[in-house]
Amino acid sequence: MELDPTQMTPVVNRIKRAQGQLAGVLRLLEEGRDCEAVVTQLAAVSKALDRAGFAIVASGLQQCLVAGDGVDSVDVKKMEKLFLSLA
């Protein structure tokens, strides 16, 4: 299944934002900043990446349903594995 680049623009933007947040985490660590600040930023990065992953899987599922023969054409085990890989 190929991803539609036009649908991935918000996902790409989210990942770029997470990339900036991750750089911020590294900077906080290098500066010896407060543990709470580091963990808060790290949690934000993690959540952003999770949301990006779920958006990619959801887009793939939508494409399968639209392009295929409905729900029966979706490889349920494959989709389940993709969702669980993000858990």
C-alpha atoms as a PDB file:
ATOM      1  CA  MET A   1       0.000   0.000   0.000  1.00  0.00           C
ATOM      2  CA  GLU A   2       1.415   3.350  -1.055  1.00  0.00           C
ATOM      3  CA  LEU A   3       0.804   6.466   1.015  1.00  0.00           C
ATOM      4  CA  ASP A   4      -0.815   9.446  -0.686  1.00  0.00           C
ATOM      5  CA  PRO A   5       1.689  12.313  -0.277  1.00  0.00           C
ATOM      6  CA  THR A   6      -1.110  14.900  -0.257  1.00  0.00           C
ATOM      7  CA  GLN A   7      -2.682  13.221   2.773  1.00  0.00           C
ATOM      8  CA  MET A   8       0.679  12.978   4.538  1.00  0.00           C
ATOM      9  CA  THR A   9       1.342  16.736   4.738  1.00  0.00           C
ATOM     10  CA  PRO A  10      -0.124  17.053   8.270  1.00  0.00           C
ATOM     11  CA  VAL A  11       1.816  13.951   9.339  1.00  0.00           C
ATOM     12  CA  VAL A  12       5.066  15.333   7.946  1.00  0.00           C
ATOM     13  CA  ASN A  13       4.425  18.615   9.770  1.00  0.00           C
ATOM     14  CA  ARG A  14       3.759  16.761  13.022  1.00  0.00           C
ATOM     15  CA  ILE A  15       6.981  14.766  12.675  1.00  0.00           C
ATOM     16  CA  LYS A  16       8.964  17.925  11.928  1.00  0.00           C
ATOM     17  CA  ARG A  17       7.496  19.483  15.081  1.00  0.00           C
ATOM     18  CA  ALA A  18       8.477  16.360  17.048  1.00  0.00           C
ATOM     19  CA  GLN A  19      11.967  16.619  15.592  1.00  0.00           C
ATOM     20  CA  GLY A  20      12.237  20.147  16.962  1.00  0.00           C
ATOM     21  CA  GLN A  21      10.914  19.014  20.341  1.00  0.00           C
ATOM     22  CA  LEU A  22      13.463  16.203  20.428  1.00  0.00           C
ATOM     23  CA  ALA A  23      16.239  18.705  19.735  1.00  0.00           C
ATOM     24  CA  GLY A  24      14.847  20.647  22.680  1.00  0.00           C
ATOM     25  CA  VAL A  25      15.057  17.560  24.885  1.00  0.00           C
ATOM     26  CA  LEU A  26      18.706  17.091  23.945  1.00  0.00           C
ATOM     27  CA  ARG A  27      19.410  20.734  24.706  1.00  0.00           C
ATOM     28  CA  LEU A  28      17.709  20.435  28.116  1.00  0.00           C
ATOM     29  CA  LEU A  29      19.786  17.370  28.930  1.00  0.00           C
ATOM     30  CA  GLU A  30      23.019  19.007  27.828  1.00  0.00           C
ATOM     31  CA  GLU A  31      22.229  22.060  29.963  1.00  0.00           C
ATOM     32  CA  GLY A  32      21.510  19.880  32.996  1.00  0.00           C
ATOM     33  CA  ARG A  33      17.960  21.185  33.276  1.00  0.00           C
ATOM     34  CA  ASP A  34      15.257  20.049  35.644  1.00  0.00           C
ATOM     35  CA  CYS A  35      14.102  16.429  35.331  1.00  0.00           C
ATOM     36  CA  GLU A  36      10.435  17.460  35.129  1.00  0.00           C
ATOM     37  CA  ALA A  37      11.087  19.743  32.156  1.00  0.00           C
ATOM     38  CA  VAL A  38      12.993  17.005  30.326  1.00  0.00           C
ATOM     39  CA  VAL A  39      10.348  14.352  30.948  1.00  0.00           C
ATOM     40  CA  THR A  40       7.535  16.732  29.961  1.00  0.00           C
ATOM     41  CA  GLN A  41       9.210  17.493  26.637  1.00  0.00           C
ATOM     42  CA  LEU A  42      10.062  13.843  26.057  1.00  0.00           C
ATOM     43  CA  ALA A  43       6.417  12.899  26.646  1.00  0.00           C
ATOM     44  CA  ALA A  44       5.357  15.530  24.105  1.00  0.00           C
ATOM     45  CA  VAL A  45       7.743  14.064  21.518  1.00  0.00           C
ATOM     46  CA  SER A  46       6.460  10.568  22.186  1.00  0.00           C
ATOM     47  CA  LYS A  47       2.812  11.627  21.895  1.00  0.00           C
ATOM     48  CA  ALA A  48       3.478  13.510  18.644  1.00  0.00           C
ATOM     49  CA  LEU A  49       5.172  10.475  17.098  1.00  0.00           C
ATOM     50  CA  ASP A  50       2.363   8.182  18.256  1.00  0.00           C
ATOM     51  CA  ARG A  51      -0.234  10.462  16.694  1.00  0.00           C
ATOM     52  CA  ALA A  52       1.737  10.597  13.458  1.00  0.00           C
ATOM     53  CA  GLY A  53       1.921   6.805  13.385  1.00  0.00           C
ATOM     54  CA  PHE A  54      -1.796   6.420  14.027  1.00  0.00           C
ATOM     55  CA  ALA A  55      -2.562   8.947  11.282  1.00  0.00           C
ATOM     56  CA  ILE A  56      -0.437   6.962   8.832  1.00  0.00           C
ATOM     57  CA  VAL A  57      -2.149   3.674   9.736  1.00  0.00           C
ATOM     58  CA  ALA A  58      -5.599   5.284   9.567  1.00  0.00           C
ATOM     59  CA  SER A  59      -4.811   6.729   6.139  1.00  0.00           C
ATOM     60  CA  GLY A  60      -3.663   3.319   4.949  1.00  0.00           C
ATOM     61  CA  LEU A  61      -6.834   1.711   6.246  1.00  0.00           C
ATOM     62  CA  GLN A  62      -8.942   4.330   4.503  1.00  0.00           C
ATOM     63  CA  GLN A  63      -7.086   3.734   1.235  1.00  0.00           C
ATOM     64  CA  CYS A  64      -7.652  -0.008   1.561  1.00  0.00           C
ATOM     65  CA  LEU A  65     -11.369   0.495   2.069  1.00  0.00           C
ATOM     66  CA  VAL A  66     -11.750   2.986  -0.772  1.00  0.00           C
ATOM     67  CA  ALA A  67      -9.560   1.168  -3.302  1.00  0.00           C
ATOM     68  CA  GLY A  68     -10.580  -2.352  -2.342  1.00  0.00           C
ATOM     69  CA  ASP A  69     -13.808  -4.244  -2.148  1.00  0.00           C
ATOM     70  CA  GLY A  70     -14.811  -2.898   1.247  1.00  0.00           C
ATOM     71  CA  VAL A  71     -14.042  -4.324   4.655  1.00  0.00           C
ATOM     72  CA  ASP A  72     -13.475  -7.845   3.323  1.00  0.00           C
ATOM     73  CA  SER A  73     -10.489  -6.664   1.257  1.00  0.00           C
ATOM     74  CA  VAL A  74      -8.658  -5.295   4.311  1.00  0.00           C
ATOM     75  CA  ASP A  75      -5.956  -7.548   5.721  1.00  0.00           C
ATOM     76  CA  VAL A  76      -7.177  -7.343   9.308  1.00  0.00           C
ATOM     77  CA  LYS A  77      -4.156  -9.124  10.772  1.00  0.00           C
ATOM     78  CA  LYS A  78      -1.778  -6.776   8.978  1.00  0.00           C
ATOM     79  CA  MET A  79      -3.682  -3.685  10.151  1.00  0.00           C
ATOM     80  CA  GLU A  80      -3.819  -5.053  13.704  1.00  0.00           C
ATOM     81  CA  LYS A  81      -0.071  -5.626  13.639  1.00  0.00           C
ATOM     82  CA  LEU A  82       0.499  -2.038  12.457  1.00  0.00           C
ATOM     83  CA  PHE A  83      -1.669  -0.621  15.244  1.00  0.00           C
ATOM     84  CA  LEU A  84      -0.010  -2.802  17.867  1.00  0.00           C
ATOM     85  CA  SER A  85       3.456  -1.786  16.699  1.00  0.00           C
ATOM     86  CA  LEU A  86       2.580   1.719  17.909  1.00  0.00           C
ATOM     87  CA  ALA A  87       1.430   0.534  21.331  1.00  0.00           C
END
